[in-house]
Amino acid sequence: MRLPSAEGYVAAVEKENRWLPELAGHLPLPVPAPVAVGRPGRRVPVPVVGPAVAGGRHPRRRRGGRPPPAGA
């Protein structure tokens, strides 16, 4: 989920929604497309974006799905 943490970041979220799909074909890494876009409302006063989940695995996870030992 992409949720602006301060009013000053609202424009950045809107700009990303507009330009990232346009730029995606020119970038060296895949850019997840937004699959859900929420408009500001009474409960959440800022726009919210839900991008597609990128493939792969969590970089801090070991094989077998266990997190690494503390301090690793």
C-alpha atoms as a PDB file:
ATOM      1  CA  MET A   1       0.000   0.000   0.000  1.00  0.00           C
ATOM      2  CA  ARG A   2       1.201   3.462  -0.806  1.00  0.00           C
ATOM      3  CA  LEU A   3      -0.204   5.921   1.734  1.00  0.00           C
ATOM      4  CA  PRO A   4       1.273   9.424   2.025  1.00  0.00           C
ATOM      5  CA  SER A   5       2.550  10.048   5.549  1.00  0.00           C
ATOM      6  CA  ALA A   6       2.158  13.841   5.336  1.00  0.00           C
ATOM      7  CA  GLU A   7       0.142  16.307   3.264  1.00  0.00           C
ATOM      8  CA  GLY A   8       3.247  17.285   1.300  1.00  0.00           C
ATOM      9  CA  TYR A   9       3.505  13.763  -0.154  1.00  0.00           C
ATOM     10  CA  VAL A  10      -0.008  13.629  -1.634  1.00  0.00           C
ATOM     11  CA  ALA A  11       1.142  15.172  -4.915  1.00  0.00           C
ATOM     12  CA  ALA A  12       3.973  12.607  -5.154  1.00  0.00           C
ATOM     13  CA  VAL A  13       1.515   9.697  -4.957  1.00  0.00           C
ATOM     14  CA  GLU A  14      -0.648  11.231  -7.670  1.00  0.00           C
ATOM     15  CA  LYS A  15       2.439  11.884  -9.824  1.00  0.00           C
ATOM     16  CA  GLU A  16       3.650   8.272  -9.385  1.00  0.00           C
ATOM     17  CA  ASN A  17       0.221   6.960 -10.421  1.00  0.00           C
ATOM     18  CA  ARG A  18       0.381   9.057 -13.560  1.00  0.00           C
ATOM     19  CA  TRP A  19       3.991   8.529 -14.646  1.00  0.00           C
ATOM     20  CA  LEU A  20       5.217   5.139 -13.434  1.00  0.00           C
ATOM     21  CA  PRO A  21       3.056   3.153 -15.890  1.00  0.00           C
ATOM     22  CA  GLU A  22       4.317   5.419 -18.702  1.00  0.00           C
ATOM     23  CA  LEU A  23       7.963   4.968 -17.673  1.00  0.00           C
ATOM     24  CA  ALA A  24       7.785   1.259 -16.809  1.00  0.00           C
ATOM     25  CA  GLY A  25       8.879   0.051 -20.246  1.00  0.00           C
ATOM     26  CA  HIS A  26      11.992   2.236 -20.101  1.00  0.00           C
ATOM     27  CA  LEU A  27      13.222   1.229 -16.638  1.00  0.00           C
ATOM     28  CA  PRO A  28      15.684  -1.615 -15.894  1.00  0.00           C
ATOM     29  CA  LEU A  29      13.459  -3.207 -13.196  1.00  0.00           C
ATOM     30  CA  PRO A  30       9.788  -4.171 -13.275  1.00  0.00           C
ATOM     31  CA  VAL A  31       7.378  -1.557 -11.960  1.00  0.00           C
ATOM     32  CA  PRO A  32       4.238  -2.962 -10.309  1.00  0.00           C
ATOM     33  CA  ALA A  33       1.084  -1.452 -11.774  1.00  0.00           C
ATOM     34  CA  PRO A  34      -1.501  -0.036  -9.382  1.00  0.00           C
ATOM     35  CA  VAL A  35      -4.374  -2.485  -8.952  1.00  0.00           C
ATOM     36  CA  ALA A  36      -6.368  -0.325  -6.538  1.00  0.00           C
ATOM     37  CA  VAL A  37      -6.545   3.441  -6.178  1.00  0.00           C
ATOM     38  CA  GLY A  38      -8.527   5.030  -3.379  1.00  0.00           C
ATOM     39  CA  ARG A  39      -9.637   8.623  -3.388  1.00  0.00           C
ATOM     40  CA  PRO A  40      -9.511  10.822  -0.276  1.00  0.00           C
ATOM     41  CA  GLY A  41     -12.568  10.413   1.913  1.00  0.00           C
ATOM     42  CA  ARG A  42     -13.920  10.913   5.402  1.00  0.00           C
ATOM     43  CA  ARG A  43     -12.015   7.989   6.977  1.00  0.00           C
ATOM     44  CA  VAL A  44      -8.780   8.318   4.982  1.00  0.00           C
ATOM     45  CA  PRO A  45      -8.195  11.936   3.916  1.00  0.00           C
ATOM     46  CA  VAL A  46      -5.415  11.149   1.410  1.00  0.00           C
ATOM     47  CA  PRO A  47      -5.210   9.093  -1.800  1.00  0.00           C
ATOM     48  CA  VAL A  48      -4.147   5.461  -1.340  1.00  0.00           C
ATOM     49  CA  VAL A  49      -2.596   3.149  -3.932  1.00  0.00           C
ATOM     50  CA  GLY A  50      -2.352  -0.628  -3.848  1.00  0.00           C
ATOM     51  CA  PRO A  51       0.280  -1.843  -6.324  1.00  0.00           C
ATOM     52  CA  ALA A  52       0.493  -5.374  -7.655  1.00  0.00           C
ATOM     53  CA  VAL A  53       2.700  -7.596  -5.530  1.00  0.00           C
ATOM     54  CA  ALA A  54       6.124  -8.153  -7.068  1.00  0.00           C
ATOM     55  CA  GLY A  55       7.385 -11.719  -7.343  1.00  0.00           C
ATOM     56  CA  GLY A  56      10.315 -13.082  -5.422  1.00  0.00           C
ATOM     57  CA  ARG A  57      10.933 -13.654  -1.766  1.00  0.00           C
ATOM     58  CA  HIS A  58      11.651 -11.460   1.202  1.00  0.00           C
ATOM     59  CA  PRO A  59      15.383 -10.657   1.170  1.00  0.00           C
ATOM     60  CA  ARG A  60      15.749 -11.368   4.906  1.00  0.00           C
ATOM     61  CA  ARG A  61      14.052 -14.781   4.805  1.00  0.00           C
ATOM     62  CA  ARG A  62      15.979 -18.023   4.623  1.00  0.00           C
ATOM     63  CA  ARG A  63      14.889 -21.078   2.732  1.00  0.00           C
ATOM     64  CA  GLY A  64      12.035 -22.840   4.466  1.00  0.00           C
ATOM     65  CA  GLY A  65      10.323 -19.528   5.310  1.00  0.00           C
ATOM     66  CA  ARG A  66      12.066 -19.041   8.636  1.00  0.00           C
ATOM     67  CA  PRO A  67      13.449 -15.608   9.471  1.00  0.00           C
ATOM     68  CA  PRO A  68      17.195 -15.443  10.153  1.00  0.00           C
ATOM     69  CA  PRO A  69      18.391 -15.727  13.766  1.00  0.00           C
ATOM     70  CA  ALA A  70      18.500 -12.486  15.730  1.00  0.00           C
ATOM     71  CA  GLY A  71      21.561 -10.454  14.899  1.00  0.00           C
ATOM     72  CA  ALA A  72      22.150 -12.229  11.570  1.00  0.00           C
END
